[in-house]
Protein backbone atom coordinates (compact mmCIF):
# COMPACT_ATOMS: atom_id res chain seq x y z
CA MET A 1 -0.23 0.00 0.44
CA LYS A 2 1.18 3.32 -0.78
CA THR A 3 -0.52 5.16 2.13
CA GLU A 4 2.52 8.24 2.39
CA GLN A 5 1.70 8.82 -1.30
CA ALA A 6 -2.21 8.79 -0.86
CA GLU A 7 -2.06 11.01 2.43
CA THR A 8 -0.72 13.68 -0.03
CA ALA A 9 -2.67 13.13 -2.88
CA SER A 10 -4.79 16.19 -3.76
CA ILE A 11 -7.88 16.59 -6.55
CA PRO A 12 -5.99 17.94 -9.15
CA GLU A 13 -3.84 14.89 -9.01
CA LEU A 14 -6.95 12.75 -9.94
CA LEU A 15 -7.69 15.34 -12.67
CA ALA A 16 -4.32 14.50 -13.82
CA LEU A 17 -5.30 11.00 -14.16
CA ILE A 18 -8.67 11.24 -16.29
CA VAL A 19 -7.25 13.55 -18.59
CA GLY A 20 -4.18 11.50 -19.13
CA ALA A 21 -6.01 8.20 -19.64
CA GLU A 22 -6.57 7.40 -23.32
CA GLN A 23 -9.52 5.73 -24.00
CA SER A 24 -9.82 2.25 -25.72
CA GLN A 25 -11.97 1.87 -28.54
CA GLY A 26 -13.71 -1.39 -28.26
CA THR A 27 -11.35 -3.15 -26.06
CA GLU A 28 -11.09 -4.12 -22.93
CA PRO A 29 -9.88 -0.89 -20.63
CA ASP A 30 -5.93 -1.21 -19.36
CA ASN A 31 -5.60 -0.27 -15.56
CA ALA A 32 -5.02 3.20 -16.22
CA GLU A 33 -8.30 3.75 -17.74
CA ARG A 34 -9.63 1.55 -14.63
CA SER A 35 -7.95 3.99 -12.53
CA ALA A 36 -9.34 7.08 -14.28
CA LEU A 37 -12.64 5.73 -13.97
CA ALA A 38 -12.20 5.80 -10.51
CA ALA A 39 -10.64 8.92 -10.00
CA GLU A 40 -13.69 10.45 -11.49
CA VAL A 41 -16.09 8.69 -9.18
CA LEU A 42 -13.85 10.05 -6.53
CA CYS A 43 -13.79 13.79 -7.65
CA TYR A 44 -17.88 13.64 -8.09
CA PHE A 45 -18.18 12.28 -4.44
CA ALA A 46 -16.19 14.79 -3.26
CA ASN A 47 -17.86 17.38 -4.91
CA ARG A 48 -21.20 16.45 -3.96
CA THR A 49 -19.94 15.88 -0.24
CA GLY A 50 -17.92 19.35 -0.36
CA GLN A 51 -14.76 17.97 0.29
CA THR A 52 -13.42 19.45 -2.99
CA ARG A 53 -14.02 22.86 -1.42
CA ASN A 54 -12.18 22.06 2.20
CA GLY A 55 -9.66 20.17 0.24
CA ASP A 56 -9.36 16.57 1.66
CA PRO A 57 -6.85 14.85 0.94
CA VAL A 58 -7.61 11.92 -1.97
CA ASP A 59 -7.43 9.08 1.55
CA THR A 60 -9.76 10.69 3.23
CA ILE A 61 -12.39 11.33 0.79
CA MET A 62 -11.59 7.64 -0.33
CA VAL A 63 -12.53 6.60 3.52
CA ASP A 64 -15.68 8.46 3.47
CA LEU A 65 -16.54 6.88 0.17
CA VAL A 66 -15.90 3.31 1.25
CA THR A 67 -17.87 4.03 4.50
CA ASP A 68 -20.82 5.26 2.51
CA LEU A 69 -20.93 1.93 0.47
CA LEU A 70 -20.30 -0.03 3.64
CA HIS A 71 -23.72 2.00 4.76
CA LEU A 72 -25.33 0.92 1.47
CA CYS A 73 -24.17 -3.00 1.41
CA GLY A 74 -25.87 -3.01 4.87
CA SER A 75 -29.24 -1.42 3.65
CA MET A 76 -29.28 -3.89 0.91
CA ASP A 77 -28.22 -6.69 2.83
CA ILE A 78 -24.79 -7.35 0.77
CA ASP A 79 -21.90 -8.79 2.21
CA PHE A 80 -19.32 -6.04 1.85
CA ASN A 81 -16.60 -8.42 2.78
CA GLY A 82 -17.77 -10.96 0.52
CA VAL A 83 -17.71 -7.68 -2.33
CA LEU A 84 -14.29 -6.76 -1.27
CA ALA A 85 -12.38 -10.23 -1.76
CA VAL A 86 -13.73 -10.80 -5.11
CA ALA A 87 -12.61 -7.22 -6.01
CA ALA A 88 -9.15 -7.72 -4.45
CA MET A 89 -9.03 -11.12 -6.72
CA HIS A 90 -9.78 -8.97 -10.25
CA HIS A 91 -7.56 -6.63 -9.21
CA GLY A 92 -4.81 -9.21 -9.11
CA ASP A 93 -5.76 -10.55 -12.07
CA GLU A 94 -5.44 -6.98 -13.93
CA CYS A 95 -1.85 -5.96 -12.54
CA GLY A 96 -1.01 -9.92 -12.77
CA SER A 97 -0.07 -10.89 -9.59
């Protein structure tokens, strides 16, 4: 985990990820595109919650989003740990590890 980098990451860095990603035409997205999509969602969330104005670091925004996802899973009776385990497996496959 790159927690030191995440603590200093900012909204402008997320925007740079979005702008810098080239979209595949009709093919499976690569990890840069996946990161850009996640950055886009995180920017939207930060804007909706006011964290963009507050200047919160990216890791704080991520924690808040994941917390809200936990609340959503609870309200929909979805096993968050199961979702997280499958997501980790997909991440490993996509990163080749």
